[in-house]
Amino acid sequence: MTKVIGLTGGIGSGKTTIAGFFNEMGIPVYIADDGAKRVMQSAEIIEAVKTTFGESLFDNNVLNRSKLAEIVFKDADKLAKLNSIVHPAVKKDFESWLLEHQSYEYVIYEAAILFESGRYKECDYIITVTAPEEIRIERVLKRDNTTRENVINRMKMQWNDEKRISLSNFVINNSNLKIAREEVVEILKILKIKQNQS
C-alpha cells in the first residue's frame, strides 16, 4: 500500500524546492497547486467560480488568477467559498494520480494549506518546511508580481509554523538549501527503517 507523505509550509517556505529534492530521489510528487490550476480549467469549475465571484474575473473565459487571489486573500469567507469549489476537485485529481503511482512505497502530496483544508488527516506522515519570515517574504516578492502587503495578507490566512509543527512528523528548515537537502536524505532513511519494521 502506497504511503502518502504530506509536505506543507507557509507561502515562501520553499516547499516546492523540497518536493523537487524528494522527486530527484525517486519519490513521485503531486503538487496540489498544479492540480488546482488543472481542475480550474474544467467547464464545471469555471461556471462555479463565475457564479460565486462574477464574470469580471475572466478574460475570454480564462480566469485571471491574480485578480481572484487579491479578492480571496483579503476575505476569509470568500477564500472558504473558493476552497469549497476547488478542493473536492483537487482531491479527485489526486486520487486518480495516486492510482497511477501504486507501485511506489511513498508519494509526496505537496500542499500549502494541507492542515487548513483537513487533507492532513489522509496522510501517513507529514513534513513541514519552515524558513524565517523575512526570507519567505523576499522569496515571494522575487517570484510573484505582488506587493509586500499581499504576501503578508496571505501569510495571515495560513496557519503559523508552531501550529503546523505540532501536527508534523518531520520539520525541514529551508534557510540553507544544502542543509535542507541533507535533511531530506535523513527523512528518507528514517522512513526506510519504519517501512522495514512494519
N, C-alpha and C. Protein backbone atom coordinates (compact mmCIF):
# COMPACT_ATOMS: atom_id res chain seq x y z
N MET A 1 0.85 -1.20 0.00
CA MET A 1 0.00 0.00 0.00
C MET A 1 0.89 1.26 0.00
N THR A 2 0.69 2.11 -0.98
CA THR A 2 1.49 3.34 -1.08
C THR A 2 1.17 4.27 0.08
N LYS A 3 2.22 4.76 0.73
CA LYS A 3 2.02 5.71 1.83
C LYS A 3 2.12 7.14 1.29
N VAL A 4 1.24 8.01 1.81
CA VAL A 4 1.21 9.40 1.36
C VAL A 4 1.91 10.27 2.41
N ILE A 5 2.93 10.99 1.94
CA ILE A 5 3.64 11.93 2.80
C ILE A 5 3.16 13.33 2.46
N GLY A 6 2.50 13.97 3.41
CA GLY A 6 2.06 15.34 3.21
C GLY A 6 3.24 16.28 3.40
N LEU A 7 3.42 17.20 2.47
CA LEU A 7 4.51 18.17 2.55
C LEU A 7 3.89 19.56 2.51
N THR A 8 4.13 20.33 3.56
CA THR A 8 3.49 21.65 3.64
C THR A 8 4.44 22.68 4.21
N GLY A 9 3.96 23.92 4.25
CA GLY A 9 4.75 25.03 4.78
C GLY A 9 4.09 26.30 4.31
N GLY A 10 4.38 27.38 4.99
CA GLY A 10 3.77 28.66 4.63
C GLY A 10 4.28 29.16 3.29
N ILE A 11 3.59 30.17 2.77
CA ILE A 11 4.00 30.77 1.50
C ILE A 11 5.46 31.24 1.59
N GLY A 12 6.24 30.88 0.57
CA GLY A 12 7.64 31.30 0.52
C GLY A 12 8.60 30.44 1.33
N SER A 13 8.07 29.36 1.94
CA SER A 13 8.97 28.49 2.73
C SER A 13 9.88 27.65 1.84
N GLY A 14 9.49 27.50 0.57
CA GLY A 14 10.31 26.73 -0.37
C GLY A 14 9.93 25.26 -0.42
N LYS A 15 8.66 24.96 -0.13
CA LYS A 15 8.25 23.55 -0.11
C LYS A 15 8.33 22.90 -1.49
N THR A 16 8.13 23.69 -2.56
CA THR A 16 8.23 23.11 -3.90
C THR A 16 9.67 22.70 -4.20
N THR A 17 10.63 23.47 -3.70
CA THR A 17 12.05 23.12 -3.84
C THR A 17 12.34 21.81 -3.12
N ILE A 18 11.80 21.69 -1.91
CA ILE A 18 11.99 20.46 -1.11
C ILE A 18 11.31 19.28 -1.82
N ALA A 19 10.13 19.52 -2.36
CA ALA A 19 9.43 18.46 -3.12
C ALA A 19 10.31 18.00 -4.28
N GLY A 20 11.00 18.96 -4.91
CA GLY A 20 11.91 18.64 -6.01
C GLY A 20 13.05 17.72 -5.56
N PHE A 21 13.56 17.94 -4.35
CA PHE A 21 14.62 17.06 -3.82
C PHE A 21 14.11 15.63 -3.67
N PHE A 22 12.89 15.49 -3.14
CA PHE A 22 12.30 14.14 -3.00
C PHE A 22 12.13 13.50 -4.37
N ASN A 23 11.68 14.28 -5.33
CA ASN A 23 11.47 13.78 -6.68
C ASN A 23 12.78 13.29 -7.30
N GLU A 24 13.85 14.07 -7.09
CA GLU A 24 15.18 13.67 -7.60
C GLU A 24 15.61 12.33 -7.00
N MET A 25 15.12 12.05 -5.79
CA MET A 25 15.50 10.81 -5.10
C MET A 25 14.51 9.67 -5.38
N GLY A 26 13.67 9.88 -6.40
CA GLY A 26 12.82 8.79 -6.87
C GLY A 26 11.43 8.71 -6.26
N ILE A 27 11.03 9.74 -5.51
CA ILE A 27 9.69 9.74 -4.90
C ILE A 27 8.76 10.59 -5.78
N PRO A 28 7.67 10.01 -6.29
CA PRO A 28 6.74 10.81 -7.11
C PRO A 28 6.11 11.95 -6.29
N VAL A 29 5.92 13.08 -6.91
CA VAL A 29 5.39 14.26 -6.21
C VAL A 29 4.13 14.78 -6.91
N TYR A 30 3.10 15.00 -6.10
CA TYR A 30 1.87 15.65 -6.59
C TYR A 30 1.84 17.04 -5.98
N ILE A 31 1.79 18.07 -6.82
CA ILE A 31 1.73 19.46 -6.35
C ILE A 31 0.26 19.91 -6.40
N ALA A 32 -0.33 20.13 -5.23
CA ALA A 32 -1.77 20.45 -5.18
C ALA A 32 -2.10 21.74 -5.95
N ASP A 33 -1.18 22.71 -5.93
CA ASP A 33 -1.44 23.97 -6.64
C ASP A 33 -1.53 23.74 -8.15
N ASP A 34 -0.68 22.84 -8.66
CA ASP A 34 -0.76 22.49 -10.10
C ASP A 34 -2.06 21.76 -10.39
N GLY A 35 -2.46 20.89 -9.46
CA GLY A 35 -3.74 20.18 -9.59
C GLY A 35 -4.90 21.16 -9.64
N ALA A 36 -4.83 22.20 -8.77
CA ALA A 36 -5.88 23.22 -8.73
C ALA A 36 -5.95 23.99 -10.06
N LYS A 37 -4.76 24.30 -10.61
CA LYS A 37 -4.74 25.01 -11.91
C LYS A 37 -5.40 24.16 -12.99
N ARG A 38 -5.13 22.84 -12.94
CA ARG A 38 -5.71 21.93 -13.94
C ARG A 38 -7.23 21.89 -13.80
N VAL A 39 -7.71 21.65 -12.57
CA VAL A 39 -9.16 21.47 -12.40
C VAL A 39 -9.91 22.78 -12.66
N MET A 40 -9.22 23.92 -12.47
CA MET A 40 -9.90 25.20 -12.68
C MET A 40 -10.08 25.53 -14.16
N GLN A 41 -9.59 24.63 -15.02
CA GLN A 41 -9.83 24.81 -16.46
C GLN A 41 -11.08 24.05 -16.90
N SER A 42 -11.66 23.26 -15.97
CA SER A 42 -12.84 22.48 -16.37
C SER A 42 -14.07 23.40 -16.40
N ALA A 43 -14.97 23.09 -17.31
CA ALA A 43 -16.17 23.93 -17.51
C ALA A 43 -16.98 24.05 -16.21
N GLU A 44 -17.06 22.95 -15.49
CA GLU A 44 -17.87 22.90 -14.25
C GLU A 44 -17.31 23.87 -13.20
N ILE A 45 -15.98 23.86 -13.03
CA ILE A 45 -15.35 24.73 -12.03
C ILE A 45 -15.41 26.20 -12.48
N ILE A 46 -15.17 26.43 -13.77
CA ILE A 46 -15.25 27.80 -14.31
C ILE A 46 -16.64 28.38 -14.03
N GLU A 47 -17.66 27.57 -14.27
CA GLU A 47 -19.04 28.01 -14.05
C GLU A 47 -19.28 28.34 -12.58
N ALA A 48 -18.77 27.48 -11.69
CA ALA A 48 -18.97 27.69 -10.25
C ALA A 48 -18.25 28.96 -9.78
N VAL A 49 -17.04 29.21 -10.32
CA VAL A 49 -16.28 30.41 -9.94
C VAL A 49 -17.00 31.66 -10.47
N LYS A 50 -17.51 31.58 -11.69
CA LYS A 50 -18.25 32.72 -12.27
C LYS A 50 -19.48 33.04 -11.42
N THR A 51 -20.22 32.01 -11.06
CA THR A 51 -21.44 32.19 -10.27
C THR A 51 -21.12 32.82 -8.92
N THR A 52 -20.02 32.39 -8.30
CA THR A 52 -19.67 32.85 -6.95
C THR A 52 -18.99 34.20 -6.95
N PHE A 53 -18.09 34.42 -7.91
CA PHE A 53 -17.24 35.63 -7.86
C PHE A 53 -17.49 36.62 -9.01
N GLY A 54 -18.27 36.22 -9.99
CA GLY A 54 -18.60 37.14 -11.08
C GLY A 54 -17.74 36.94 -12.33
N GLU A 55 -18.30 37.38 -13.47
CA GLU A 55 -17.68 37.21 -14.78
C GLU A 55 -16.43 38.09 -14.96
N SER A 56 -16.34 39.17 -14.17
CA SER A 56 -15.26 40.15 -14.37
C SER A 56 -13.87 39.56 -14.11
N LEU A 57 -13.82 38.39 -13.48
CA LEU A 57 -12.52 37.74 -13.21
C LEU A 57 -11.99 36.97 -14.43
N PHE A 58 -12.79 36.95 -15.49
CA PHE A 58 -12.41 36.16 -16.67
C PHE A 58 -12.14 37.04 -17.87
N ASP A 59 -11.06 36.75 -18.59
CA ASP A 59 -10.77 37.39 -19.87
C ASP A 59 -10.86 36.30 -20.93
N ASN A 60 -11.85 36.39 -21.83
CA ASN A 60 -12.07 35.34 -22.85
C ASN A 60 -12.16 33.95 -22.22
N ASN A 61 -12.93 33.87 -21.15
CA ASN A 61 -13.16 32.60 -20.43
C ASN A 61 -11.91 32.06 -19.72
N VAL A 62 -10.84 32.87 -19.64
CA VAL A 62 -9.63 32.46 -18.91
C VAL A 62 -9.61 33.21 -17.58
N LEU A 63 -9.50 32.46 -16.51
CA LEU A 63 -9.52 33.05 -15.16
C LEU A 63 -8.27 33.88 -14.92
N ASN A 64 -8.46 35.09 -14.42
CA ASN A 64 -7.34 35.94 -14.00
C ASN A 64 -7.05 35.58 -12.54
N ARG A 65 -6.05 34.70 -12.36
CA ARG A 65 -5.77 34.16 -11.03
C ARG A 65 -5.29 35.23 -10.04
N SER A 66 -4.56 36.23 -10.53
CA SER A 66 -4.08 37.25 -9.59
C SER A 66 -5.22 38.13 -9.09
N LYS A 67 -6.21 38.40 -9.96
CA LYS A 67 -7.40 39.16 -9.53
C LYS A 67 -8.16 38.37 -8.46
N LEU A 68 -8.31 37.07 -8.72
CA LEU A 68 -9.02 36.21 -7.77
C LEU A 68 -8.28 36.16 -6.43
N ALA A 69 -6.95 36.03 -6.51
CA ALA A 69 -6.13 35.97 -5.29
C ALA A 69 -6.30 37.25 -4.46
N GLU A 70 -6.33 38.40 -5.15
CA GLU A 70 -6.49 39.67 -4.43
C GLU A 70 -7.80 39.71 -3.65
N ILE A 71 -8.84 39.13 -4.23
CA ILE A 71 -10.15 39.11 -3.57
C ILE A 71 -10.15 38.15 -2.37
N VAL A 72 -9.72 36.91 -2.60
CA VAL A 72 -9.89 35.89 -1.56
C VAL A 72 -8.90 36.01 -0.41
N PHE A 73 -7.70 36.56 -0.66
CA PHE A 73 -6.72 36.63 0.42
C PHE A 73 -6.93 37.85 1.33
N LYS A 74 -7.99 38.61 1.04
CA LYS A 74 -8.37 39.70 1.95
C LYS A 74 -9.63 39.35 2.73
N ASP A 75 -10.25 38.23 2.39
CA ASP A 75 -11.56 37.91 2.95
C ASP A 75 -11.68 36.40 3.20
N ALA A 76 -11.64 36.04 4.47
CA ALA A 76 -11.63 34.61 4.85
C ALA A 76 -12.88 33.87 4.34
N ASP A 77 -14.03 34.55 4.32
CA ASP A 77 -15.27 33.89 3.86
C ASP A 77 -15.19 33.57 2.36
N LYS A 78 -14.64 34.52 1.60
CA LYS A 78 -14.53 34.29 0.15
C LYS A 78 -13.50 33.21 -0.15
N LEU A 79 -12.43 33.17 0.65
CA LEU A 79 -11.42 32.12 0.49
C LEU A 79 -12.05 30.76 0.77
N ALA A 80 -12.87 30.69 1.82
CA ALA A 80 -13.55 29.43 2.17
C ALA A 80 -14.48 28.99 1.04
N LYS A 81 -15.16 29.96 0.40
CA LYS A 81 -16.05 29.63 -0.72
C LYS A 81 -15.25 29.06 -1.90
N LEU A 82 -14.12 29.72 -2.21
CA LEU A 82 -13.28 29.23 -3.31
C LEU A 82 -12.78 27.82 -3.01
N ASN A 83 -12.31 27.61 -1.78
CA ASN A 83 -11.79 26.29 -1.39
C ASN A 83 -12.87 25.21 -1.50
N SER A 84 -14.11 25.57 -1.16
CA SER A 84 -15.19 24.58 -1.23
C SER A 84 -15.50 24.18 -2.68
N ILE A 85 -15.15 25.05 -3.63
CA ILE A 85 -15.33 24.73 -5.06
C ILE A 85 -14.15 23.88 -5.55
N VAL A 86 -12.94 24.29 -5.18
CA VAL A 86 -11.73 23.70 -5.78
C VAL A 86 -11.27 22.41 -5.08
N HIS A 87 -11.34 22.39 -3.74
CA HIS A 87 -10.75 21.25 -3.02
C HIS A 87 -11.32 19.88 -3.37
N PRO A 88 -12.64 19.73 -3.48
CA PRO A 88 -13.16 18.40 -3.85
C PRO A 88 -12.63 17.92 -5.21
N ALA A 89 -12.48 18.87 -6.15
CA ALA A 89 -11.98 18.52 -7.49
C ALA A 89 -10.51 18.13 -7.44
N VAL A 90 -9.73 18.83 -6.62
CA VAL A 90 -8.30 18.50 -6.46
C VAL A 90 -8.16 17.13 -5.80
N LYS A 91 -9.02 16.86 -4.84
CA LYS A 91 -8.99 15.55 -4.15
C LYS A 91 -9.19 14.42 -5.16
N LYS A 92 -10.17 14.58 -6.05
CA LYS A 92 -10.44 13.57 -7.10
C LYS A 92 -9.23 13.43 -8.02
N ASP A 93 -8.66 14.57 -8.41
CA ASP A 93 -7.50 14.58 -9.30
C ASP A 93 -6.33 13.83 -8.66
N PHE A 94 -6.11 14.08 -7.37
CA PHE A 94 -5.02 13.40 -6.66
C PHE A 94 -5.28 11.89 -6.57
N GLU A 95 -6.53 11.52 -6.30
CA GLU A 95 -6.85 10.09 -6.16
C GLU A 95 -6.59 9.33 -7.46
N SER A 96 -6.91 9.95 -8.61
CA SER A 96 -6.63 9.25 -9.87
C SER A 96 -5.12 9.23 -10.15
N TRP A 97 -4.40 10.30 -9.75
CA TRP A 97 -2.92 10.32 -9.87
C TRP A 97 -2.32 9.21 -9.00
N LEU A 98 -2.85 9.05 -7.80
CA LEU A 98 -2.33 8.05 -6.86
C LEU A 98 -2.49 6.63 -7.41
N LEU A 99 -3.59 6.37 -8.10
CA LEU A 99 -3.83 5.06 -8.72
C LEU A 99 -2.72 4.71 -9.72
N GLU A 100 -2.20 5.74 -10.38
CA GLU A 100 -1.13 5.52 -11.37
C GLU A 100 0.24 5.32 -10.72
N HIS A 101 0.33 5.58 -9.41
CA HIS A 101 1.63 5.51 -8.72
C HIS A 101 1.61 4.49 -7.58
N GLN A 102 0.76 3.46 -7.72
CA GLN A 102 0.61 2.48 -6.64
C GLN A 102 1.80 1.55 -6.48
N SER A 103 2.69 1.55 -7.46
CA SER A 103 3.85 0.65 -7.35
C SER A 103 4.94 1.25 -6.44
N TYR A 104 4.76 2.51 -6.02
CA TYR A 104 5.77 3.18 -5.17
C TYR A 104 5.43 3.01 -3.69
N GLU A 105 6.48 2.90 -2.87
CA GLU A 105 6.26 2.81 -1.41
C GLU A 105 5.70 4.11 -0.88
N TYR A 106 6.22 5.24 -1.39
CA TYR A 106 5.82 6.56 -0.91
C TYR A 106 5.55 7.49 -2.06
N VAL A 107 4.62 8.41 -1.84
CA VAL A 107 4.45 9.55 -2.74
C VAL A 107 4.37 10.80 -1.87
N ILE A 108 4.71 11.94 -2.47
CA ILE A 108 4.61 13.23 -1.76
C ILE A 108 3.36 13.95 -2.25
N TYR A 109 2.57 14.44 -1.30
CA TYR A 109 1.43 15.31 -1.62
C TYR A 109 1.79 16.70 -1.08
N GLU A 110 2.15 17.62 -1.98
CA GLU A 110 2.62 18.95 -1.56
C GLU A 110 1.48 19.94 -1.63
N ALA A 111 1.14 20.54 -0.49
CA ALA A 111 0.03 21.49 -0.45
C ALA A 111 0.30 22.59 0.58
N ALA A 112 0.07 23.83 0.17
CA ALA A 112 0.30 24.96 1.09
C ALA A 112 -0.67 24.90 2.27
N ILE A 113 -1.92 24.51 1.99
CA ILE A 113 -2.93 24.51 3.06
C ILE A 113 -3.35 23.08 3.40
N LEU A 114 -2.37 22.23 3.61
CA LEU A 114 -2.62 20.83 3.95
C LEU A 114 -3.46 20.72 5.22
N PHE A 115 -3.12 21.53 6.24
CA PHE A 115 -3.85 21.49 7.51
C PHE A 115 -5.18 22.22 7.40
N GLU A 116 -5.15 23.43 6.82
CA GLU A 116 -6.36 24.24 6.75
C GLU A 116 -7.48 23.52 5.99
N SER A 117 -7.09 22.72 4.99
CA SER A 117 -8.09 22.01 4.17
C SER A 117 -8.56 20.70 4.81
N GLY A 118 -7.85 20.26 5.86
CA GLY A 118 -8.19 18.99 6.51
C GLY A 118 -7.58 17.78 5.82
N ARG A 119 -6.83 18.00 4.71
CA ARG A 119 -6.27 16.87 3.96
C ARG A 119 -5.16 16.14 4.73
N TYR A 120 -4.59 16.82 5.73
CA TYR A 120 -3.53 16.18 6.51
C TYR A 120 -4.00 14.87 7.16
N LYS A 121 -5.30 14.77 7.41
CA LYS A 121 -5.85 13.56 8.06
C LYS A 121 -5.70 12.34 7.16
N GLU A 122 -5.50 12.56 5.86
CA GLU A 122 -5.39 11.44 4.91
C GLU A 122 -3.93 11.08 4.61
N CYS A 123 -3.00 11.71 5.33
CA CYS A 123 -1.57 11.45 5.10
C CYS A 123 -1.03 10.49 6.16
N ASP A 124 -0.06 9.66 5.75
CA ASP A 124 0.58 8.74 6.69
C ASP A 124 1.66 9.44 7.52
N TYR A 125 2.33 10.39 6.88
CA TYR A 125 3.35 11.21 7.56
C TYR A 125 3.21 12.64 7.06
N ILE A 126 3.67 13.58 7.89
CA ILE A 126 3.61 14.99 7.48
C ILE A 126 4.96 15.66 7.73
N ILE A 127 5.40 16.40 6.70
CA ILE A 127 6.64 17.19 6.80
C ILE A 127 6.26 18.66 6.66
N THR A 128 6.71 19.47 7.61
CA THR A 128 6.53 20.92 7.49
C THR A 128 7.86 21.57 7.13
N VAL A 129 7.81 22.44 6.13
CA VAL A 129 9.00 23.18 5.71
C VAL A 129 8.90 24.59 6.31
N THR A 130 9.98 25.02 6.96
CA THR A 130 9.98 26.35 7.58
C THR A 130 11.13 27.19 7.01
N ALA A 131 11.01 28.49 7.21
CA ALA A 131 12.08 29.44 6.88
C ALA A 131 11.72 30.73 7.61
N PRO A 132 12.71 31.56 7.96
CA PRO A 132 12.40 32.82 8.63
C PRO A 132 11.45 33.68 7.79
N GLU A 133 10.57 34.40 8.48
CA GLU A 133 9.51 35.16 7.79
C GLU A 133 10.06 36.13 6.74
N GLU A 134 11.14 36.83 7.07
CA GLU A 134 11.68 37.83 6.14
C GLU A 134 12.19 37.17 4.86
N ILE A 135 12.83 36.00 5.01
CA ILE A 135 13.32 35.25 3.84
C ILE A 135 12.12 34.84 2.97
N ARG A 136 11.05 34.39 3.64
CA ARG A 136 9.85 33.95 2.92
C ARG A 136 9.24 35.11 2.12
N ILE A 137 9.14 36.28 2.75
CA ILE A 137 8.56 37.45 2.07
C ILE A 137 9.41 37.80 0.85
N GLU A 138 10.73 37.83 1.03
CA GLU A 138 11.64 38.17 -0.08
C GLU A 138 11.49 37.19 -1.24
N ARG A 139 11.39 35.89 -0.91
CA ARG A 139 11.25 34.86 -1.95
C ARG A 139 9.99 35.10 -2.78
N VAL A 140 8.87 35.40 -2.09
CA VAL A 140 7.60 35.57 -2.80
C VAL A 140 7.63 36.84 -3.66
N LEU A 141 8.23 37.91 -3.13
CA LEU A 141 8.33 39.15 -3.90
C LEU A 141 9.15 38.95 -5.17
N LYS A 142 10.19 38.11 -5.08
CA LYS A 142 11.01 37.82 -6.26
C LYS A 142 10.25 36.95 -7.26
N ARG A 143 9.47 36.02 -6.72
CA ARG A 143 8.81 35.01 -7.55
C ARG A 143 7.53 35.53 -8.21
N ASP A 144 6.72 36.26 -7.43
CA ASP A 144 5.41 36.70 -7.91
C ASP A 144 5.41 38.20 -8.16
N ASN A 145 4.57 38.61 -9.08
CA ASN A 145 4.40 40.04 -9.33
C ASN A 145 3.37 40.55 -8.31
N THR A 146 3.85 40.84 -7.08
CA THR A 146 2.92 41.17 -6.00
C THR A 146 3.55 42.19 -5.06
N THR A 147 2.78 42.57 -4.04
CA THR A 147 3.28 43.55 -3.06
C THR A 147 3.53 42.86 -1.73
N ARG A 148 4.33 43.52 -0.90
CA ARG A 148 4.61 43.02 0.45
C ARG A 148 3.31 42.83 1.23
N GLU A 149 2.39 43.80 1.07
CA GLU A 149 1.10 43.73 1.78
C GLU A 149 0.32 42.48 1.40
N ASN A 150 0.30 42.16 0.08
CA ASN A 150 -0.40 40.95 -0.38
C ASN A 150 0.21 39.69 0.21
N VAL A 151 1.55 39.66 0.28
CA VAL A 151 2.23 38.47 0.85
C VAL A 151 1.85 38.31 2.31
N ILE A 152 1.87 39.42 3.05
CA ILE A 152 1.54 39.36 4.48
C ILE A 152 0.08 38.95 4.69
N ASN A 153 -0.82 39.44 3.81
CA ASN A 153 -2.24 39.03 3.89
C ASN A 153 -2.38 37.53 3.71
N ARG A 154 -1.61 36.98 2.76
CA ARG A 154 -1.68 35.53 2.52
C ARG A 154 -1.14 34.76 3.70
N MET A 155 -0.06 35.27 4.29
CA MET A 155 0.51 34.62 5.48
C MET A 155 -0.52 34.56 6.61
N LYS A 156 -1.27 35.65 6.77
CA LYS A 156 -2.26 35.72 7.86
C LYS A 156 -3.37 34.70 7.67
N MET A 157 -3.65 34.35 6.41
CA MET A 157 -4.71 33.39 6.11
C MET A 157 -4.27 31.94 6.36
N GLN A 158 -2.96 31.75 6.50
CA GLN A 158 -2.44 30.38 6.71
C GLN A 158 -2.13 30.14 8.18
N TRP A 159 -2.04 28.86 8.54
CA TRP A 159 -1.61 28.51 9.90
C TRP A 159 -0.19 29.01 10.10
N ASN A 160 0.19 29.26 11.37
CA ASN A 160 1.59 29.61 11.63
C ASN A 160 2.43 28.34 11.80
N ASP A 161 3.75 28.50 11.79
CA ASP A 161 4.65 27.34 11.85
C ASP A 161 4.46 26.51 13.12
N GLU A 162 4.26 27.18 14.26
CA GLU A 162 4.11 26.44 15.53
C GLU A 162 2.95 25.46 15.44
N LYS A 163 1.84 25.94 14.89
CA LYS A 163 0.63 25.11 14.78
C LYS A 163 0.88 23.93 13.83
N ARG A 164 1.55 24.21 12.70
CA ARG A 164 1.85 23.14 11.74
C ARG A 164 2.78 22.10 12.36
N ILE A 165 3.85 22.60 12.99
CA ILE A 165 4.88 21.71 13.55
C ILE A 165 4.28 20.77 14.58
N SER A 166 3.31 21.28 15.37
CA SER A 166 2.71 20.46 16.44
C SER A 166 2.01 19.22 15.89
N LEU A 167 1.65 19.24 14.59
CA LEU A 167 0.97 18.09 13.99
C LEU A 167 1.83 17.37 12.94
N SER A 168 3.12 17.70 12.91
CA SER A 168 4.01 17.13 11.87
C SER A 168 4.93 16.06 12.45
N ASN A 169 5.32 15.12 11.58
CA ASN A 169 6.30 14.09 11.97
C ASN A 169 7.72 14.57 11.79
N PHE A 170 7.92 15.43 10.78
CA PHE A 170 9.26 15.93 10.47
C PHE A 170 9.18 17.42 10.16
N VAL A 171 10.29 18.13 10.43
CA VAL A 171 10.39 19.55 10.09
C VAL A 171 11.69 19.77 9.33
N ILE A 172 11.61 20.49 8.23
CA ILE A 172 12.81 20.85 7.46
C ILE A 172 12.95 22.36 7.48
N ASN A 173 14.08 22.83 8.01
CA ASN A 173 14.36 24.27 7.97
C ASN A 173 15.02 24.56 6.62
N ASN A 174 14.34 25.37 5.81
CA ASN A 174 14.81 25.61 4.44
C ASN A 174 15.47 26.99 4.29
N SER A 175 16.36 27.33 5.24
CA SER A 175 17.11 28.59 5.10
C SER A 175 18.33 28.35 4.23
N ASN A 176 18.88 27.12 4.32
CA ASN A 176 20.09 26.77 3.57
C ASN A 176 19.80 25.52 2.75
N LEU A 177 19.88 25.64 1.41
CA LEU A 177 19.45 24.55 0.52
C LEU A 177 20.28 23.27 0.72
N LYS A 178 21.58 23.43 0.95
CA LYS A 178 22.45 22.25 1.11
C LYS A 178 22.03 21.46 2.35
N ILE A 179 21.80 22.17 3.45
CA ILE A 179 21.39 21.50 4.70
C ILE A 179 19.99 20.91 4.54
N ALA A 180 19.09 21.65 3.88
CA ALA A 180 17.71 21.17 3.67
C ALA A 180 17.72 19.86 2.87
N ARG A 181 18.59 19.80 1.87
CA ARG A 181 18.70 18.58 1.05
C ARG A 181 19.18 17.39 1.89
N GLU A 182 20.14 17.66 2.78
CA GLU A 182 20.63 16.60 3.69
C GLU A 182 19.51 16.11 4.61
N GLU A 183 18.64 17.04 5.03
CA GLU A 183 17.50 16.67 5.89
C GLU A 183 16.53 15.75 5.13
N VAL A 184 16.36 16.00 3.83
CA VAL A 184 15.51 15.14 3.00
C VAL A 184 16.08 13.71 2.99
N VAL A 185 17.39 13.60 2.81
CA VAL A 185 18.06 12.29 2.79
C VAL A 185 17.84 11.58 4.12
N GLU A 186 17.98 12.32 5.23
CA GLU A 186 17.78 11.74 6.57
C GLU A 186 16.36 11.22 6.76
N ILE A 187 15.38 12.03 6.32
CA ILE A 187 13.97 11.62 6.45
C ILE A 187 13.72 10.33 5.68
N LEU A 188 14.28 10.24 4.47
CA LEU A 188 14.08 9.02 3.66
C LEU A 188 14.71 7.80 4.35
N LYS A 189 15.84 8.00 5.02
CA LYS A 189 16.48 6.89 5.77
C LYS A 189 15.56 6.43 6.90
N ILE A 190 14.99 7.40 7.64
CA ILE A 190 14.09 7.07 8.76
C ILE A 190 12.85 6.33 8.24
N LEU A 191 12.29 6.81 7.12
CA LEU A 191 11.10 6.16 6.55
C LEU A 191 11.41 4.74 6.10
N LYS A 192 12.60 4.54 5.58
CA LYS A 192 13.01 3.19 5.14
C LYS A 192 13.06 2.24 6.34
N ILE A 193 13.60 2.75 7.45
CA ILE A 193 13.67 1.94 8.68
C ILE A 193 12.26 1.59 9.15
N LYS A 194 11.38 2.59 9.16
CA LYS A 194 9.99 2.37 9.58
C LYS A 194 9.31 1.32 8.69
N GLN A 195 9.57 1.43 7.37
CA GLN A 195 8.98 0.51 6.40
C GLN A 195 9.45 -0.92 6.69
N ASN A 196 10.73 -1.06 7.00
CA ASN A 196 11.29 -2.39 7.29
C ASN A 196 10.74 -2.97 8.59
N GLN A 197 10.39 -2.10 9.52
CA GLN A 197 9.86 -2.57 10.82
C GLN A 197 8.42 -2.99 10.72
N SER A 198 7.70 -2.42 9.73
CA SER A 198 6.25 -2.71 9.66
C SER A 198 5.98 -4.01 8.91
